[in-house]
């Protein structure tokens, strides 16, 4: 009566089988939740009168910064 015995629960666990001494667990059936119905959107006079937001025009890139006099002098000194 050990691991090799097919009639005991211990032997069935080792072998990986099921029977009288080792029952299978009953599987639980999946029950889907009922979907909620969405109410249809009501169109009112308020919704029709609201203005539609317009998209802003694309921004232009900022112009390149001009070098100041002091920076230009320092660069000229480094080149010499």
Protein backbone atom coordinates (compact mmCIF):
# COMPACT_ATOMS: atom_id res chain seq x y z
CA UNK A 1 0.00 0.00 0.00
CA UNK A 2 2.28 2.71 -1.19
CA UNK A 3 3.07 4.95 -4.11
CA UNK A 4 2.70 2.18 -6.66
CA UNK A 5 -0.70 1.00 -5.42
CA UNK A 6 -3.37 2.14 -7.87
CA UNK A 7 -6.24 1.58 -5.41
CA UNK A 8 -5.06 4.13 -2.80
CA UNK A 9 -5.26 7.92 -2.99
CA UNK A 10 -1.51 8.16 -2.48
CA UNK A 11 -0.85 5.81 -5.40
CA UNK A 12 -3.35 7.63 -7.59
CA UNK A 13 -1.62 10.96 -6.86
CA UNK A 14 1.74 9.49 -7.82
CA UNK A 15 0.39 7.89 -11.00
CA UNK A 16 -1.79 10.92 -11.81
CA UNK A 17 -5.09 9.09 -12.20
CA UNK A 18 -8.53 9.49 -10.66
CA UNK A 19 -11.06 7.02 -9.29
CA UNK A 20 -13.14 6.05 -6.24
CA UNK A 21 -10.44 6.89 -3.73
CA UNK A 22 -9.40 10.11 -5.50
CA UNK A 23 -12.31 12.13 -6.87
CA UNK A 24 -11.98 14.99 -9.30
CA UNK A 25 -13.07 18.45 -8.25
CA UNK A 26 -16.15 19.60 -10.11
CA UNK A 27 -15.40 22.52 -12.37
CA UNK A 28 -17.36 25.70 -11.87
CA UNK A 29 -19.17 26.89 -14.97
CA UNK A 30 -18.40 30.43 -16.05
CA UNK A 31 -21.42 32.70 -15.94
CA UNK A 32 -21.03 35.90 -17.94
CA UNK A 33 -22.38 39.09 -16.42
CA UNK A 34 -25.27 40.57 -18.37
CA UNK A 35 -24.29 43.63 -20.34
CA UNK A 36 -25.90 46.89 -19.36
CA UNK A 37 -27.90 48.54 -22.07
CA UNK A 38 -26.85 52.07 -22.82
CA UNK A 39 -29.61 54.62 -23.09
CA UNK A 40 -29.74 56.21 -26.55
CA UNK A 41 -28.26 59.69 -26.63
CA UNK A 42 -30.99 62.29 -26.52
CA UNK A 43 -30.57 65.18 -28.88
CA UNK A 44 -31.80 68.38 -27.37
CA UNK A 45 -31.91 71.92 -28.59
CA UNK A 46 -29.06 72.78 -26.20
CA UNK A 47 -26.73 70.30 -27.87
CA UNK A 48 -27.52 71.65 -31.34
CA UNK A 49 -26.84 75.24 -30.28
CA UNK A 50 -23.41 74.60 -28.75
CA UNK A 51 -20.61 75.93 -30.97
CA UNK A 52 -18.09 73.43 -32.21
CA UNK A 53 -14.53 74.10 -30.98
CA UNK A 54 -12.17 75.02 -33.79
CA UNK A 55 -8.60 73.79 -33.85
CA UNK A 56 -5.90 76.39 -33.33
CA UNK A 57 -3.62 77.03 -36.32
CA UNK A 58 -0.19 75.40 -36.19
CA UNK A 59 2.47 77.48 -34.48
CA UNK A 60 5.41 78.70 -36.50
CA UNK A 61 8.93 77.88 -35.39
CA UNK A 62 10.74 80.61 -33.51
CA UNK A 63 13.42 82.40 -35.54
CA UNK A 64 17.02 81.55 -34.76
CA UNK A 65 18.51 83.71 -32.01
CA UNK A 66 21.02 86.33 -33.07
CA UNK A 67 24.42 86.28 -31.46
CA UNK A 68 25.15 89.13 -29.11
CA UNK A 69 28.20 91.31 -29.56
CA UNK A 70 30.04 89.80 -26.60
CA UNK A 71 29.54 86.24 -27.85
CA UNK A 72 30.69 87.23 -31.32
CA UNK A 73 33.85 88.83 -29.89
CA UNK A 74 34.69 85.73 -27.82
CA UNK A 75 34.32 83.47 -30.85
CA UNK A 76 36.53 85.76 -32.91
CA UNK A 77 39.20 85.65 -30.20
CA UNK A 78 39.12 81.84 -30.09
CA UNK A 79 39.68 81.60 -33.86
CA UNK A 80 42.84 83.75 -33.67
